[in-house]
């Protein structure tokens, strides 16, 4: 009997000689007829710790290696998509010095009090 072969994406490579591969399949919903994606995670044996998260791999069924592992990685199909992330520092211009956070909170409290007083004065004038 031939062994099953699946294609998926490595989602975790934290275990020693183990990768977790997510395999997605598209099926038609039995009642509504819409095509939906279903996914399942498989633990696969990676003997040389050669595969990293994000890579497309092909896994093949094998004899049970451990409680969860009964698949082995056969080959790499696509490399991981690396994205460079840059963290921008906020620009502080010397023309406008930044206010400390404590004064901002104090300003907000005084503004709330003044608006409450203004509303109370409006109510008193409307009653008179």
C-alpha atoms as a PDB file:
ATOM      1  CA  UNK A   1       0.000   0.000   0.000  1.00  0.00           C
ATOM      2  CA  UNK A   2       1.493   3.399  -0.936  1.00  0.00           C
ATOM      3  CA  UNK A   3       2.299   5.916   1.779  1.00  0.00           C
ATOM      4  CA  UNK A   4       0.314   9.132   1.928  1.00  0.00           C
ATOM      5  CA  UNK A   5       2.175  12.309   0.973  1.00  0.00           C
ATOM      6  CA  UNK A   6       0.926  15.757   2.058  1.00  0.00           C
ATOM      7  CA  UNK A   7       2.125  19.300   1.407  1.00  0.00           C
ATOM      8  CA  UNK A   8       2.056  21.978   4.086  1.00  0.00           C
ATOM      9  CA  UNK A   9       3.733  24.846   5.888  1.00  0.00           C
ATOM     10  CA  UNK A  10       6.068  24.490   8.868  1.00  0.00           C
ATOM     11  CA  UNK A  11       4.508  26.419  11.749  1.00  0.00           C
ATOM     12  CA  UNK A  12       6.909  25.409  14.526  1.00  0.00           C
ATOM     13  CA  UNK A  13      10.451  24.072  14.659  1.00  0.00           C
ATOM     14  CA  UNK A  14      11.027  24.339  18.408  1.00  0.00           C
ATOM     15  CA  UNK A  15      11.160  20.613  19.140  1.00  0.00           C
ATOM     16  CA  UNK A  16      14.373  18.651  18.710  1.00  0.00           C
ATOM     17  CA  UNK A  17      14.206  16.711  15.413  1.00  0.00           C
ATOM     18  CA  UNK A  18      10.520  17.619  15.124  1.00  0.00           C
ATOM     19  CA  UNK A  19       8.582  20.147  13.072  1.00  0.00           C
ATOM     20  CA  UNK A  20       4.878  20.923  13.175  1.00  0.00           C
ATOM     21  CA  UNK A  21       3.387  21.162   9.683  1.00  0.00           C
ATOM     22  CA  UNK A  22      -0.020  22.709   8.959  1.00  0.00           C
ATOM     23  CA  UNK A  23      -1.739  21.117   5.978  1.00  0.00           C
ATOM     24  CA  UNK A  24      -4.668  23.033   4.480  1.00  0.00           C
ATOM     25  CA  UNK A  25      -7.315  21.495   2.286  1.00  0.00           C
ATOM     26  CA  UNK A  26     -10.259  23.047   0.502  1.00  0.00           C
ATOM     27  CA  UNK A  27     -13.646  21.400   0.795  1.00  0.00           C
ATOM     28  CA  UNK A  28     -17.166  22.267  -0.168  1.00  0.00           C
ATOM     29  CA  UNK A  29     -19.509  22.890   2.772  1.00  0.00           C
ATOM     30  CA  UNK A  30     -22.140  20.139   2.766  1.00  0.00           C
ATOM     31  CA  UNK A  31     -25.117  22.424   3.350  1.00  0.00           C
ATOM     32  CA  UNK A  32     -24.174  25.861   2.038  1.00  0.00           C
ATOM     33  CA  UNK A  33     -21.944  24.827  -0.845  1.00  0.00           C
ATOM     34  CA  UNK A  34     -19.272  27.415  -0.112  1.00  0.00           C
ATOM     35  CA  UNK A  35     -15.630  26.384  -0.553  1.00  0.00           C
ATOM     36  CA  UNK A  36     -13.891  26.583   2.837  1.00  0.00           C
ATOM     37  CA  UNK A  37     -10.353  25.921   4.054  1.00  0.00           C
ATOM     38  CA  UNK A  38      -9.794  23.278   6.699  1.00  0.00           C
ATOM     39  CA  UNK A  39      -6.391  22.773   8.261  1.00  0.00           C
ATOM     40  CA  UNK A  40      -4.760  20.132  10.410  1.00  0.00           C
ATOM     41  CA  UNK A  41      -1.384  20.070  12.143  1.00  0.00           C
ATOM     42  CA  UNK A  42       0.968  17.097  11.873  1.00  0.00           C
ATOM     43  CA  UNK A  43       4.137  16.453  13.878  1.00  0.00           C
ATOM     44  CA  UNK A  44       6.824  15.328  11.449  1.00  0.00           C
ATOM     45  CA  UNK A  45      10.324  13.945  11.992  1.00  0.00           C
ATOM     46  CA  UNK A  46      13.143  16.292  10.905  1.00  0.00           C
ATOM     47  CA  UNK A  47      16.355  14.351  11.488  1.00  0.00           C
ATOM     48  CA  UNK A  48      18.832  17.179  10.878  1.00  0.00           C
ATOM     49  CA  UNK A  49      16.794  20.120  12.244  1.00  0.00           C
ATOM     50  CA  UNK A  50      17.066  21.537   8.720  1.00  0.00           C
ATOM     51  CA  UNK A  51      13.580  23.042   8.313  1.00  0.00           C
ATOM     52  CA  UNK A  52      12.504  26.396   9.732  1.00  0.00           C
ATOM     53  CA  UNK A  53       9.118  28.008  10.344  1.00  0.00           C
ATOM     54  CA  UNK A  54       7.400  29.360   7.229  1.00  0.00           C
ATOM     55  CA  UNK A  55       8.875  26.866   4.749  1.00  0.00           C
ATOM     56  CA  UNK A  56       6.712  24.803   2.416  1.00  0.00           C
ATOM     57  CA  UNK A  57       7.499  21.102   2.850  1.00  0.00           C
ATOM     58  CA  UNK A  58       6.273  17.707   1.715  1.00  0.00           C
ATOM     59  CA  UNK A  59       5.682  15.099   4.451  1.00  0.00           C
ATOM     60  CA  UNK A  60       5.239  11.344   4.108  1.00  0.00           C
ATOM     61  CA  UNK A  61       3.536   8.822   6.348  1.00  0.00           C
ATOM     62  CA  UNK A  62       5.868   6.445   8.218  1.00  0.00           C
ATOM     63  CA  UNK A  63       5.900   4.005  11.137  1.00  0.00           C
ATOM     64  CA  UNK A  64       5.173   5.691  14.482  1.00  0.00           C
ATOM     65  CA  UNK A  65       8.293   7.370  15.882  1.00  0.00           C
ATOM     66  CA  UNK A  66       6.712   8.701  19.070  1.00  0.00           C
ATOM     67  CA  UNK A  67       3.269   9.325  20.536  1.00  0.00           C
ATOM     68  CA  UNK A  68       2.512  12.171  18.124  1.00  0.00           C
ATOM     69  CA  UNK A  69       5.004  11.616  15.277  1.00  0.00           C
ATOM     70  CA  UNK A  70       4.096   9.263  12.469  1.00  0.00           C
ATOM     71  CA  UNK A  71       5.184  11.508   9.584  1.00  0.00           C
ATOM     72  CA  UNK A  72       8.593  12.426   8.222  1.00  0.00           C
ATOM     73  CA  UNK A  73       9.701  15.406   6.148  1.00  0.00           C
ATOM     74  CA  UNK A  74      10.613  14.338   2.621  1.00  0.00           C
ATOM     75  CA  UNK A  75      11.662  17.568   0.917  1.00  0.00           C
ATOM     76  CA  UNK A  76      11.534  21.349   0.956  1.00  0.00           C
ATOM     77  CA  UNK A  77       9.273  22.882  -1.678  1.00  0.00           C
ATOM     78  CA  UNK A  78       9.605  26.599  -0.936  1.00  0.00           C
ATOM     79  CA  UNK A  79      11.769  28.738   1.304  1.00  0.00           C
ATOM     80  CA  UNK A  80      10.443  30.803   4.187  1.00  0.00           C
ATOM     81  CA  UNK A  81       9.231  34.274   3.350  1.00  0.00           C
ATOM     82  CA  UNK A  82      11.421  36.540   5.466  1.00  0.00           C
ATOM     83  CA  UNK A  83      10.098  40.008   6.130  1.00  0.00           C
ATOM     84  CA  UNK A  84      12.396  42.757   7.380  1.00  0.00           C
ATOM     85  CA  UNK A  85      10.766  44.776  10.122  1.00  0.00           C
ATOM     86  CA  UNK A  86      12.073  48.227  10.964  1.00  0.00           C
ATOM     87  CA  UNK A  87      11.105  50.011  14.157  1.00  0.00           C
ATOM     88  CA  UNK A  88      10.910  53.750  13.609  1.00  0.00           C
ATOM     89  CA  UNK A  89      11.870  56.056  16.457  1.00  0.00           C
ATOM     90  CA  UNK A  90       9.537  59.030  16.967  1.00  0.00           C
ATOM     91  CA  UNK A  91      11.096  62.292  15.803  1.00  0.00           C
ATOM     92  CA  UNK A  92      11.336  64.893  18.552  1.00  0.00           C
ATOM     93  CA  UNK A  93      11.778  68.331  17.026  1.00  0.00           C
ATOM     94  CA  UNK A  94      13.589  70.944  19.143  1.00  0.00           C
ATOM     95  CA  UNK A  95      10.953  73.575  18.172  1.00  0.00           C
ATOM     96  CA  UNK A  96       8.172  71.838  20.110  1.00  0.00           C
ATOM     97  CA  UNK A  97       9.368  70.260  23.376  1.00  0.00           C
ATOM     98  CA  UNK A  98       7.314  67.312  24.537  1.00  0.00           C
ATOM     99  CA  UNK A  99       5.110  67.749  27.623  1.00  0.00           C
ATOM    100  CA  UNK A 100       5.488  65.291  30.476  1.00  0.00           C
ATOM    101  CA  UNK A 101       2.598  62.825  30.756  1.00  0.00           C
ATOM    102  CA  UNK A 102       1.636  64.044  34.238  1.00  0.00           C
ATOM    103  CA  UNK A 103       0.766  67.555  32.999  1.00  0.00           C
ATOM    104  CA  UNK A 104      -1.319  66.121  30.162  1.00  0.00           C
ATOM    105  CA  UNK A 105      -3.440  64.185  32.656  1.00  0.00           C
ATOM    106  CA  UNK A 106      -3.819  67.250  34.879  1.00  0.00           C
ATOM    107  CA  UNK A 107      -4.915  69.324  31.862  1.00  0.00           C
ATOM    108  CA  UNK A 108      -7.529  66.701  30.979  1.00  0.00           C
ATOM    109  CA  UNK A 109      -8.951  66.697  34.521  1.00  0.00           C
ATOM    110  CA  UNK A 110      -9.263  70.494  34.635  1.00  0.00           C
ATOM    111  CA  UNK A 111     -10.890  70.495  31.190  1.00  0.00           C
ATOM    112  CA  UNK A 112     -13.491  67.961  32.383  1.00  0.00           C
ATOM    113  CA  UNK A 113     -14.252  70.035  35.484  1.00  0.00           C
ATOM    114  CA  UNK A 114     -14.673  73.226  33.456  1.00  0.00           C
ATOM    115  CA  UNK A 115     -17.039  71.557  30.980  1.00  0.00           C
ATOM    116  CA  UNK A 116     -19.136  70.159  33.849  1.00  0.00           C
ATOM    117  CA  UNK A 117     -19.384  73.653  35.379  1.00  0.00           C
ATOM    118  CA  UNK A 118     -20.341  75.156  32.018  1.00  0.00           C
ATOM    119  CA  UNK A 119     -23.085  72.568  31.558  1.00  0.00           C
ATOM    120  CA  UNK A 120     -24.397  73.171  35.077  1.00  0.00           C
ATOM    121  CA  UNK A 121     -24.479  76.935  34.431  1.00  0.00           C
ATOM    122  CA  UNK A 122     -26.409  76.335  31.182  1.00  0.00           C
ATOM    123  CA  UNK A 123     -28.992  74.235  33.055  1.00  0.00           C
ATOM    124  CA  UNK A 124     -29.417  76.899  35.741  1.00  0.00           C
ATOM    125  CA  UNK A 125     -29.894  79.633  33.100  1.00  0.00           C
ATOM    126  CA  UNK A 126     -32.422  77.507  31.198  1.00  0.00           C
ATOM    127  CA  UNK A 127     -34.481  76.936  34.375  1.00  0.00           C
ATOM    128  CA  UNK A 128     -34.557  80.647  35.207  1.00  0.00           C
END
